Amino acid sequence: MALYKADVWLGSNSGRQTVSVSANTIAGAKEQIRTIYNVSDTAIWNLREAPRERAGGGVSDDGEASLWGGAILVGLMIVAWVVASFTPQVFGAVGGSTTWWLLCRLQGKSFDDLLLPPNRRALLITMALTTAVGVAASLAGRQVQLDHFRDALPAAQQGRPSARDDRPQVPQVPQGPRTKAAAKEE
């Protein structure tokens, strides 16, 4: 059954009140309000189906944001920041882990079966391939970071001078006697 709310005039002593009833239809809700509060149809205004509250603390169909929606948004923002700031590390970890899992599946072994003594040779091959793919993924992640997330990097990692390096540099004076090769270069 749906929950219906209506504004009802209950007389000059009580005035206009918001009441709630449970009914299957809007006509049934109007009939219940007439019967319970002993009012005419003209005393009932703004009869509407009320939104049901959700278990997560939010309310549906009334435009209010739920608590879970905000928590999910904050979580996605944190994940985006981690990926933007640590792209090579994220790419390397995901690439290496995925390679380990894929090689275990191809060999028909569980995730930790390769650690057992009879599987030492397969462990070495798997570790070498996992490391190679992890390094390649990390290098690809570095390139993605430079191409797309340049603002997330500190200035020293972007290949441009940091704030400390913006001050004028003192020209360096050559030390020691000049050689014939240095004189020719000038």
N, C-alpha and C. Protein backbone atom coordinates (compact mmCIF):
# COMPACT_ATOMS: atom_id res chain seq x y z
N MET A 1 0.82 -1.18 0.00
CA MET A 1 0.00 0.00 0.00
C MET A 1 0.87 1.25 0.00
N ALA A 2 0.36 2.25 -0.66
CA ALA A 2 1.09 3.50 -0.75
C ALA A 2 0.66 4.42 0.40
N LEU A 3 1.54 5.33 0.74
CA LEU A 3 1.25 6.32 1.77
C LEU A 3 0.83 7.60 1.07
N TYR A 4 -0.34 8.15 1.47
CA TYR A 4 -0.85 9.38 0.89
C TYR A 4 -0.90 10.45 1.96
N LYS A 5 -0.59 11.69 1.54
CA LYS A 5 -0.68 12.84 2.44
C LYS A 5 -1.64 13.85 1.83
N ALA A 6 -2.31 14.59 2.69
CA ALA A 6 -3.24 15.63 2.23
C ALA A 6 -3.31 16.72 3.27
N ASP A 7 -3.62 17.93 2.82
CA ASP A 7 -3.90 19.04 3.72
C ASP A 7 -5.41 19.06 3.92
N VAL A 8 -5.84 19.04 5.17
CA VAL A 8 -7.27 18.93 5.49
C VAL A 8 -7.66 20.05 6.46
N TRP A 9 -8.81 20.71 6.17
CA TRP A 9 -9.37 21.71 7.09
C TRP A 9 -10.22 20.96 8.11
N LEU A 10 -9.78 21.00 9.38
CA LEU A 10 -10.45 20.25 10.43
C LEU A 10 -11.34 21.13 11.32
N GLY A 11 -11.65 22.31 10.88
CA GLY A 11 -12.49 23.22 11.67
C GLY A 11 -11.68 24.37 12.20
N SER A 12 -12.37 25.35 12.74
CA SER A 12 -11.69 26.57 13.18
C SER A 12 -10.83 26.32 14.42
N ASN A 13 -11.12 25.32 15.23
CA ASN A 13 -10.30 25.03 16.41
C ASN A 13 -8.96 24.41 16.04
N SER A 14 -8.94 23.50 15.06
CA SER A 14 -7.71 22.80 14.67
C SER A 14 -7.04 23.44 13.47
N GLY A 15 -7.81 24.03 12.56
CA GLY A 15 -7.25 24.66 11.38
C GLY A 15 -6.85 23.65 10.32
N ARG A 16 -5.95 24.08 9.47
CA ARG A 16 -5.49 23.22 8.37
C ARG A 16 -4.34 22.35 8.87
N GLN A 17 -4.47 21.04 8.67
CA GLN A 17 -3.48 20.06 9.13
C GLN A 17 -3.07 19.15 7.97
N THR A 18 -1.84 18.64 8.03
CA THR A 18 -1.38 17.64 7.06
C THR A 18 -1.58 16.27 7.69
N VAL A 19 -2.33 15.42 6.99
CA VAL A 19 -2.63 14.09 7.51
C VAL A 19 -2.08 13.05 6.54
N SER A 20 -1.86 11.82 7.05
CA SER A 20 -1.35 10.72 6.24
C SER A 20 -2.23 9.51 6.42
N VAL A 21 -2.49 8.80 5.31
CA VAL A 21 -3.23 7.53 5.35
C VAL A 21 -2.57 6.56 4.39
N SER A 22 -2.75 5.27 4.61
CA SER A 22 -2.27 4.24 3.69
C SER A 22 -3.45 3.72 2.91
N ALA A 23 -3.30 3.66 1.58
CA ALA A 23 -4.39 3.19 0.72
C ALA A 23 -3.80 2.65 -0.57
N ASN A 24 -4.61 1.89 -1.32
CA ASN A 24 -4.16 1.35 -2.60
C ASN A 24 -4.28 2.36 -3.73
N THR A 25 -5.27 3.25 -3.64
CA THR A 25 -5.49 4.24 -4.69
C THR A 25 -5.71 5.61 -4.06
N ILE A 26 -5.66 6.63 -4.91
CA ILE A 26 -5.89 7.98 -4.41
C ILE A 26 -7.36 8.16 -4.00
N ALA A 27 -8.27 7.48 -4.70
CA ALA A 27 -9.70 7.55 -4.33
C ALA A 27 -9.92 6.90 -2.97
N GLY A 28 -9.21 5.79 -2.72
CA GLY A 28 -9.31 5.13 -1.42
C GLY A 28 -8.75 6.00 -0.30
N ALA A 29 -7.68 6.72 -0.60
CA ALA A 29 -7.10 7.62 0.40
C ALA A 29 -8.08 8.74 0.74
N LYS A 30 -8.74 9.29 -0.28
CA LYS A 30 -9.71 10.37 -0.05
C LYS A 30 -10.89 9.86 0.78
N GLU A 31 -11.33 8.65 0.50
CA GLU A 31 -12.44 8.06 1.26
C GLU A 31 -12.05 7.85 2.72
N GLN A 32 -10.83 7.37 2.96
CA GLN A 32 -10.38 7.17 4.34
C GLN A 32 -10.31 8.50 5.10
N ILE A 33 -9.79 9.54 4.44
CA ILE A 33 -9.69 10.84 5.11
C ILE A 33 -11.08 11.36 5.47
N ARG A 34 -12.06 11.21 4.52
CA ARG A 34 -13.44 11.63 4.81
C ARG A 34 -14.00 10.88 6.00
N THR A 35 -13.74 9.56 6.06
CA THR A 35 -14.30 8.73 7.13
C THR A 35 -13.62 9.00 8.47
N ILE A 36 -12.29 9.04 8.49
CA ILE A 36 -11.55 9.18 9.75
C ILE A 36 -11.75 10.56 10.36
N TYR A 37 -11.68 11.60 9.53
CA TYR A 37 -11.70 12.98 10.07
C TYR A 37 -13.07 13.64 9.94
N ASN A 38 -14.04 12.93 9.36
CA ASN A 38 -15.42 13.40 9.24
C ASN A 38 -15.46 14.78 8.56
N VAL A 39 -14.88 14.85 7.35
CA VAL A 39 -14.84 16.11 6.59
C VAL A 39 -15.45 15.88 5.21
N SER A 40 -15.81 16.95 4.53
CA SER A 40 -16.34 16.87 3.16
C SER A 40 -15.19 16.92 2.16
N ASP A 41 -15.52 16.67 0.89
CA ASP A 41 -14.50 16.69 -0.17
C ASP A 41 -13.87 18.07 -0.32
N THR A 42 -14.61 19.12 -0.04
CA THR A 42 -14.08 20.48 -0.21
C THR A 42 -13.07 20.84 0.88
N ALA A 43 -13.00 20.07 1.96
CA ALA A 43 -12.05 20.33 3.04
C ALA A 43 -10.71 19.64 2.82
N ILE A 44 -10.59 18.86 1.72
CA ILE A 44 -9.36 18.10 1.44
C ILE A 44 -8.63 18.79 0.28
N TRP A 45 -7.38 19.20 0.52
CA TRP A 45 -6.57 19.83 -0.52
C TRP A 45 -5.26 19.07 -0.69
N ASN A 46 -4.71 19.19 -1.86
CA ASN A 46 -3.36 18.72 -2.14
C ASN A 46 -3.14 17.25 -1.72
N LEU A 47 -4.02 16.39 -2.13
CA LEU A 47 -3.88 14.95 -1.85
C LEU A 47 -2.81 14.40 -2.79
N ARG A 48 -1.78 13.78 -2.20
CA ARG A 48 -0.64 13.30 -2.99
C ARG A 48 -0.06 12.04 -2.38
N GLU A 49 0.65 11.27 -3.23
CA GLU A 49 1.35 10.09 -2.72
C GLU A 49 2.66 10.57 -2.11
N ALA A 50 2.90 10.16 -0.88
CA ALA A 50 4.12 10.58 -0.17
C ALA A 50 5.26 9.64 -0.52
N PRO A 51 6.48 10.17 -0.63
CA PRO A 51 7.63 9.30 -0.92
C PRO A 51 7.95 8.39 0.26
N ARG A 52 8.41 7.20 -0.06
CA ARG A 52 8.82 6.24 0.98
C ARG A 52 10.27 6.50 1.35
N GLU A 53 10.62 6.32 2.62
CA GLU A 53 12.00 6.48 3.04
C GLU A 53 12.76 5.21 2.72
N ARG A 54 14.00 5.39 2.30
CA ARG A 54 14.87 4.26 1.99
C ARG A 54 15.63 3.81 3.22
N ALA A 55 16.18 2.62 3.15
CA ALA A 55 16.94 2.08 4.29
C ALA A 55 18.24 2.84 4.52
N GLY A 56 18.82 3.42 3.48
CA GLY A 56 20.09 4.12 3.59
C GLY A 56 19.99 5.51 4.20
N GLY A 57 18.81 5.94 4.57
CA GLY A 57 18.66 7.24 5.19
C GLY A 57 18.14 8.30 4.25
N GLY A 58 18.07 8.01 2.95
CA GLY A 58 17.58 8.99 2.00
C GLY A 58 16.10 8.82 1.75
N VAL A 59 15.54 9.73 1.01
CA VAL A 59 14.14 9.67 0.65
C VAL A 59 14.05 9.62 -0.86
N SER A 60 13.17 8.78 -1.39
CA SER A 60 13.07 8.64 -2.83
C SER A 60 12.04 9.61 -3.41
N ASP A 61 12.23 9.98 -4.63
CA ASP A 61 11.27 10.76 -5.42
C ASP A 61 10.96 12.15 -4.90
N ASP A 62 11.75 12.72 -4.04
CA ASP A 62 11.44 14.08 -3.61
C ASP A 62 12.59 15.04 -3.88
N GLY A 63 13.62 14.61 -4.59
CA GLY A 63 14.70 15.49 -4.99
C GLY A 63 15.82 15.61 -3.98
N GLU A 64 15.71 15.02 -2.81
CA GLU A 64 16.80 15.10 -1.83
C GLU A 64 17.89 14.09 -2.18
N ALA A 65 19.12 14.50 -2.01
CA ALA A 65 20.24 13.59 -2.26
C ALA A 65 20.38 12.64 -1.08
N SER A 66 20.67 11.40 -1.38
CA SER A 66 20.82 10.44 -0.30
C SER A 66 22.23 10.50 0.29
N LEU A 67 22.39 9.98 1.47
CA LEU A 67 23.69 9.93 2.13
C LEU A 67 24.65 9.05 1.34
N TRP A 68 24.14 7.95 0.80
CA TRP A 68 25.00 7.05 0.04
C TRP A 68 25.49 7.69 -1.24
N GLY A 69 24.68 8.50 -1.86
CA GLY A 69 25.10 9.19 -3.08
C GLY A 69 26.29 10.09 -2.83
N GLY A 70 26.26 10.82 -1.73
CA GLY A 70 27.38 11.68 -1.38
C GLY A 70 28.63 10.88 -1.06
N ALA A 71 28.47 9.77 -0.34
CA ALA A 71 29.62 8.94 0.01
C ALA A 71 30.24 8.32 -1.25
N ILE A 72 29.42 7.90 -2.18
CA ILE A 72 29.93 7.33 -3.43
C ILE A 72 30.66 8.39 -4.23
N LEU A 73 30.11 9.60 -4.27
CA LEU A 73 30.77 10.69 -5.00
C LEU A 73 32.13 11.01 -4.40
N VAL A 74 32.22 11.09 -3.08
CA VAL A 74 33.50 11.36 -2.43
C VAL A 74 34.48 10.22 -2.72
N GLY A 75 34.01 8.98 -2.65
CA GLY A 75 34.88 7.84 -2.96
C GLY A 75 35.41 7.87 -4.38
N LEU A 76 34.57 8.22 -5.34
CA LEU A 76 35.02 8.32 -6.73
C LEU A 76 36.03 9.46 -6.91
N MET A 77 35.84 10.55 -6.19
CA MET A 77 36.79 11.65 -6.27
C MET A 77 38.15 11.24 -5.71
N ILE A 78 38.15 10.47 -4.63
CA ILE A 78 39.41 9.99 -4.04
C ILE A 78 40.11 9.03 -5.01
N VAL A 79 39.36 8.13 -5.63
CA VAL A 79 39.94 7.20 -6.60
C VAL A 79 40.52 7.97 -7.78
N ALA A 80 39.80 8.98 -8.27
CA ALA A 80 40.29 9.78 -9.39
C ALA A 80 41.58 10.51 -9.01
N TRP A 81 41.65 11.04 -7.79
CA TRP A 81 42.86 11.72 -7.34
C TRP A 81 44.04 10.75 -7.26
N VAL A 82 43.80 9.55 -6.72
CA VAL A 82 44.88 8.56 -6.61
C VAL A 82 45.38 8.18 -8.00
N VAL A 83 44.47 7.95 -8.94
CA VAL A 83 44.88 7.57 -10.29
C VAL A 83 45.64 8.71 -10.95
N ALA A 84 45.17 9.96 -10.77
CA ALA A 84 45.85 11.10 -11.39
C ALA A 84 47.23 11.34 -10.77
N SER A 85 47.33 11.19 -9.47
CA SER A 85 48.59 11.48 -8.77
C SER A 85 49.60 10.35 -8.87
N PHE A 86 49.13 9.12 -8.87
CA PHE A 86 50.02 7.96 -8.83
C PHE A 86 49.77 7.04 -10.04
N THR A 87 49.62 7.61 -11.22
CA THR A 87 49.29 6.82 -12.40
C THR A 87 50.30 5.72 -12.69
N PRO A 88 51.60 5.99 -12.67
CA PRO A 88 52.55 4.90 -12.97
C PRO A 88 52.45 3.75 -11.96
N GLN A 89 52.30 4.09 -10.69
CA GLN A 89 52.21 3.05 -9.66
C GLN A 89 50.92 2.25 -9.82
N VAL A 90 49.81 2.94 -10.11
CA VAL A 90 48.53 2.24 -10.28
C VAL A 90 48.60 1.34 -11.50
N PHE A 91 49.11 1.86 -12.62
CA PHE A 91 49.22 1.04 -13.82
C PHE A 91 50.13 -0.17 -13.59
N GLY A 92 51.27 0.04 -12.91
CA GLY A 92 52.20 -1.06 -12.65
C GLY A 92 51.59 -2.13 -11.76
N ALA A 93 50.91 -1.71 -10.69
CA ALA A 93 50.29 -2.67 -9.77
C ALA A 93 49.17 -3.45 -10.46
N VAL A 94 48.33 -2.75 -11.21
CA VAL A 94 47.23 -3.44 -11.90
C VAL A 94 47.77 -4.35 -12.99
N GLY A 95 48.77 -3.88 -13.75
CA GLY A 95 49.35 -4.71 -14.80
C GLY A 95 50.02 -5.96 -14.25
N GLY A 96 50.81 -5.79 -13.18
CA GLY A 96 51.48 -6.94 -12.58
C GLY A 96 50.51 -7.93 -11.98
N SER A 97 49.52 -7.44 -11.24
CA SER A 97 48.53 -8.33 -10.61
C SER A 97 47.71 -9.06 -11.65
N THR A 98 47.33 -8.36 -12.69
CA THR A 98 46.54 -8.99 -13.75
C THR A 98 47.36 -10.06 -14.47
N THR A 99 48.63 -9.79 -14.70
CA THR A 99 49.50 -10.78 -15.34
C THR A 99 49.64 -12.02 -14.47
N TRP A 100 49.86 -11.83 -13.18
CA TRP A 100 49.97 -12.97 -12.25
C TRP A 100 48.70 -13.81 -12.29
N TRP A 101 47.55 -13.15 -12.20
CA TRP A 101 46.27 -13.86 -12.20
C TRP A 101 46.09 -14.61 -13.51
N LEU A 102 46.37 -13.94 -14.65
CA LEU A 102 46.18 -14.55 -15.95
C LEU A 102 47.10 -15.76 -16.14
N LEU A 103 48.35 -15.64 -15.74
CA LEU A 103 49.27 -16.77 -15.88
C LEU A 103 48.87 -17.94 -14.97
N CYS A 104 48.39 -17.67 -13.77
CA CYS A 104 47.90 -18.74 -12.90
C CYS A 104 46.72 -19.45 -13.54
N ARG A 105 45.80 -18.67 -14.14
CA ARG A 105 44.63 -19.27 -14.79
C ARG A 105 45.05 -20.11 -15.99
N LEU A 106 46.02 -19.63 -16.77
CA LEU A 106 46.46 -20.38 -17.95
C LEU A 106 47.16 -21.67 -17.56
N GLN A 107 47.84 -21.68 -16.42
CA GLN A 107 48.53 -22.88 -15.96
C GLN A 107 47.61 -23.80 -15.17
N GLY A 108 46.38 -23.36 -14.91
CA GLY A 108 45.41 -24.18 -14.18
C GLY A 108 45.72 -24.28 -12.70
N LYS A 109 46.35 -23.28 -12.14
CA LYS A 109 46.72 -23.28 -10.73
C LYS A 109 45.97 -22.17 -10.00
N SER A 110 45.86 -22.32 -8.69
CA SER A 110 45.23 -21.26 -7.90
C SER A 110 46.25 -20.13 -7.70
N PHE A 111 45.82 -19.04 -7.13
CA PHE A 111 46.64 -17.84 -7.02
C PHE A 111 47.93 -18.09 -6.23
N ASP A 112 47.88 -18.96 -5.23
CA ASP A 112 49.07 -19.20 -4.41
C ASP A 112 49.71 -20.57 -4.63
N ASP A 113 49.22 -21.36 -5.60
CA ASP A 113 49.83 -22.67 -5.89
C ASP A 113 51.27 -22.54 -6.37
N LEU A 114 51.60 -21.43 -7.02
CA LEU A 114 52.95 -21.27 -7.56
C LEU A 114 53.99 -21.12 -6.46
N LEU A 115 53.57 -20.85 -5.24
CA LEU A 115 54.51 -20.67 -4.14
C LEU A 115 54.97 -21.99 -3.53
N LEU A 116 54.33 -23.09 -3.90
CA LEU A 116 54.70 -24.40 -3.37
C LEU A 116 56.00 -24.90 -4.03
N PRO A 117 56.81 -25.69 -3.30
CA PRO A 117 58.12 -26.13 -3.81
C PRO A 117 58.11 -26.80 -5.17
N PRO A 118 57.14 -27.68 -5.53
CA PRO A 118 57.24 -28.32 -6.85
C PRO A 118 57.05 -27.35 -8.02
N ASN A 119 56.60 -26.17 -7.77
CA ASN A 119 56.29 -25.22 -8.85
C ASN A 119 57.31 -24.09 -8.94
N ARG A 120 58.54 -24.29 -8.48
CA ARG A 120 59.53 -23.21 -8.43
C ARG A 120 59.87 -22.67 -9.83
N ARG A 121 59.97 -23.56 -10.82
CA ARG A 121 60.31 -23.10 -12.17
C ARG A 121 59.18 -22.24 -12.73
N ALA A 122 57.95 -22.68 -12.56
CA ALA A 122 56.81 -21.89 -13.02
C ALA A 122 56.74 -20.56 -12.26
N LEU A 123 57.14 -20.58 -10.99
CA LEU A 123 57.14 -19.35 -10.19
C LEU A 123 58.12 -18.33 -10.76
N LEU A 124 59.33 -18.79 -11.14
CA LEU A 124 60.33 -17.88 -11.70
C LEU A 124 59.86 -17.27 -13.02
N ILE A 125 59.28 -18.09 -13.88
CA ILE A 125 58.78 -17.59 -15.17
C ILE A 125 57.65 -16.60 -14.94
N THR A 126 56.74 -16.95 -14.05
CA THR A 126 55.60 -16.07 -13.77
C THR A 126 56.06 -14.75 -13.16
N MET A 127 57.03 -14.82 -12.23
CA MET A 127 57.53 -13.59 -11.62
C MET A 127 58.24 -12.71 -12.64
N ALA A 128 59.00 -13.32 -13.55
CA ALA A 128 59.70 -12.53 -14.57
C ALA A 128 58.71 -11.85 -15.50
N LEU A 129 57.71 -12.58 -15.97
CA LEU A 129 56.70 -11.98 -16.84
C LEU A 129 55.88 -10.92 -16.12
N THR A 130 55.54 -11.19 -14.86
CA THR A 130 54.77 -10.21 -14.07
C THR A 130 55.57 -8.93 -13.88
N THR A 131 56.86 -9.06 -13.59
CA THR A 131 57.71 -7.89 -13.41
C THR A 131 57.83 -7.11 -14.72
N ALA A 132 58.04 -7.81 -15.83
CA ALA A 132 58.18 -7.14 -17.12
C ALA A 132 56.90 -6.39 -17.48
N VAL A 133 55.76 -7.02 -17.32
CA VAL A 133 54.50 -6.36 -17.64
C VAL A 133 54.25 -5.20 -16.67
N GLY A 134 54.58 -5.37 -15.39
CA GLY A 134 54.42 -4.29 -14.42
C GLY A 134 55.25 -3.08 -14.75
N VAL A 135 56.50 -3.31 -15.17
CA VAL A 135 57.38 -2.19 -15.55
C VAL A 135 56.87 -1.51 -16.81
N ALA A 136 56.45 -2.31 -17.80
CA ALA A 136 55.92 -1.73 -19.04
C ALA A 136 54.64 -0.93 -18.75
N ALA A 137 53.79 -1.45 -17.90
CA ALA A 137 52.56 -0.74 -17.55
C ALA A 137 52.88 0.53 -16.77
N SER A 138 53.89 0.48 -15.93
CA SER A 138 54.30 1.66 -15.18
C SER A 138 54.82 2.75 -16.11
N LEU A 139 55.61 2.36 -17.12
CA LEU A 139 56.09 3.33 -18.11
C LEU A 139 54.94 3.91 -18.92
N ALA A 140 53.98 3.06 -19.28
CA ALA A 140 52.80 3.57 -19.99
C ALA A 140 52.00 4.51 -19.09
N GLY A 141 51.91 4.18 -17.81
CA GLY A 141 51.22 5.05 -16.86
C GLY A 141 51.91 6.39 -16.71
N ARG A 142 53.24 6.39 -16.76
CA ARG A 142 53.99 7.65 -16.68
C ARG A 142 53.67 8.53 -17.88
N GLN A 143 53.59 7.91 -19.06
CA GLN A 143 53.27 8.68 -20.26
C GLN A 143 51.83 9.22 -20.19
N VAL A 144 50.90 8.41 -19.71
CA VAL A 144 49.52 8.87 -19.54
C VAL A 144 49.48 10.03 -18.56
N GLN A 145 50.24 9.92 -17.48
CA GLN A 145 50.28 10.98 -16.48
C GLN A 145 50.82 12.27 -17.07
N LEU A 146 51.87 12.18 -17.87
CA LEU A 146 52.43 13.38 -18.50
C LEU A 146 51.48 13.99 -19.53
N ASP A 147 50.75 13.13 -20.26
CA ASP A 147 49.85 13.62 -21.30
C ASP A 147 48.55 14.18 -20.75
N HIS A 148 47.99 13.55 -19.71
CA HIS A 148 46.64 13.90 -19.27
C HIS A 148 46.55 14.52 -17.89
N PHE A 149 47.48 14.22 -17.00
CA PHE A 149 47.37 14.68 -15.62
C PHE A 149 48.55 15.57 -15.23
N ARG A 150 49.02 16.41 -16.14
CA ARG A 150 50.20 17.23 -15.89
C ARG A 150 50.00 18.12 -14.65
N ASP A 151 48.80 18.61 -14.39
CA ASP A 151 48.57 19.49 -13.25
C ASP A 151 48.69 18.77 -11.92
N ALA A 152 48.59 17.45 -11.91
CA ALA A 152 48.66 16.69 -10.67
C ALA A 152 50.10 16.45 -10.23
N LEU A 153 51.06 16.69 -11.11
CA LEU A 153 52.46 16.42 -10.80
C LEU A 153 53.13 17.63 -10.18
N PRO A 154 54.07 17.41 -9.27
CA PRO A 154 54.89 18.53 -8.80
C PRO A 154 55.71 19.08 -9.97
N ALA A 155 56.11 20.34 -9.88
CA ALA A 155 56.81 21.01 -10.97
C ALA A 155 58.10 20.29 -11.35
N ALA A 156 58.83 19.74 -10.37
CA ALA A 156 60.10 19.07 -10.66
C ALA A 156 59.89 17.84 -11.53
N GLN A 157 58.74 17.15 -11.39
CA GLN A 157 58.49 15.96 -12.18
C GLN A 157 57.95 16.29 -13.56
N GLN A 158 57.50 17.53 -13.78
CA GLN A 158 56.96 17.92 -15.07
C GLN A 158 58.04 18.38 -16.03
N GLY A 159 59.27 18.48 -15.55
CA GLY A 159 60.34 18.91 -16.43
C GLY A 159 60.44 20.42 -16.54
N ARG A 160 59.81 21.13 -15.65
CA ARG A 160 59.94 22.58 -15.65
C ARG A 160 60.48 23.01 -14.30
N PRO A 161 61.07 24.16 -14.18
CA PRO A 161 61.68 24.57 -12.92
C PRO A 161 60.63 24.78 -11.83
N SER A 162 61.00 24.47 -10.62
CA SER A 162 60.10 24.70 -9.50
C SER A 162 60.21 26.16 -9.07
N ALA A 163 59.44 26.56 -8.08
CA ALA A 163 59.44 27.95 -7.62
C ALA A 163 60.81 28.35 -7.10
N ARG A 164 61.55 27.42 -6.50
CA ARG A 164 62.88 27.74 -5.98
C ARG A 164 63.88 28.00 -7.10
N ASP A 165 63.66 27.42 -8.27
CA ASP A 165 64.60 27.58 -9.38
C ASP A 165 64.29 28.80 -10.25
N ASP A 166 63.24 29.57 -9.92
CA ASP A 166 62.87 30.72 -10.72
C ASP A 166 63.76 31.94 -10.47
N ARG A 167 64.53 31.92 -9.40
CA ARG A 167 65.38 33.08 -9.12
C ARG A 167 66.55 33.10 -10.11
N PRO A 168 67.13 34.28 -10.37
CA PRO A 168 68.22 34.36 -11.34
C PRO A 168 69.42 33.51 -10.91
N GLN A 169 70.01 32.89 -11.88
CA GLN A 169 71.17 32.05 -11.62
C GLN A 169 72.45 32.87 -11.76
N VAL A 170 73.39 32.59 -10.89
CA VAL A 170 74.69 33.27 -10.95
C VAL A 170 75.50 32.60 -12.05
N PRO A 171 76.07 33.39 -12.98
CA PRO A 171 76.86 32.75 -14.04
C PRO A 171 78.08 32.05 -13.44
N GLN A 172 78.40 30.91 -14.01
CA GLN A 172 79.52 30.14 -13.49
C GLN A 172 80.80 30.55 -14.20
N VAL A 173 81.80 30.76 -13.40
CA VAL A 173 83.11 31.15 -13.92
C VAL A 173 83.93 29.88 -14.06
N PRO A 174 84.55 29.68 -15.23
CA PRO A 174 85.36 28.47 -15.39
C PRO A 174 86.52 28.47 -14.41
N GLN A 175 86.83 27.32 -13.90
CA GLN A 175 87.92 27.16 -12.94
C GLN A 175 89.14 26.58 -13.65
N GLY A 176 90.31 27.03 -13.26
CA GLY A 176 91.55 26.45 -13.78
C GLY A 176 91.93 27.01 -15.13
N PRO A 177 93.03 26.51 -15.68
CA PRO A 177 93.52 27.03 -16.95
C PRO A 177 92.62 26.60 -18.10
N ARG A 178 92.55 27.43 -19.10
CA ARG A 178 91.75 27.12 -20.27
C ARG A 178 92.53 26.20 -21.20
N THR A 179 91.83 25.26 -21.75
CA THR A 179 92.48 24.35 -22.69
C THR A 179 92.24 24.84 -24.11
N LYS A 180 93.01 24.31 -25.06
CA LYS A 180 92.85 24.69 -26.46
C LYS A 180 91.46 24.30 -26.96
N ALA A 181 90.93 23.14 -26.50
CA ALA A 181 89.61 22.68 -26.93
C ALA A 181 88.51 23.62 -26.45
N ALA A 182 88.65 24.13 -25.21
CA ALA A 182 87.65 25.06 -24.68
C ALA A 182 87.71 26.38 -25.41
N ALA A 183 88.89 26.82 -25.80
CA ALA A 183 89.03 28.07 -26.54
C ALA A 183 88.42 27.97 -27.91
N LYS A 184 88.55 26.79 -28.57
CA LYS A 184 87.98 26.59 -29.90
C LYS A 184 86.45 26.58 -29.84
N GLU A 185 85.87 26.04 -28.74
CA GLU A 185 84.42 25.99 -28.61
C GLU A 185 83.81 27.37 -28.48
N GLU A 186 84.57 28.31 -27.92
CA GLU A 186 84.04 29.67 -27.75
C GLU A 186 84.14 30.37 -29.06
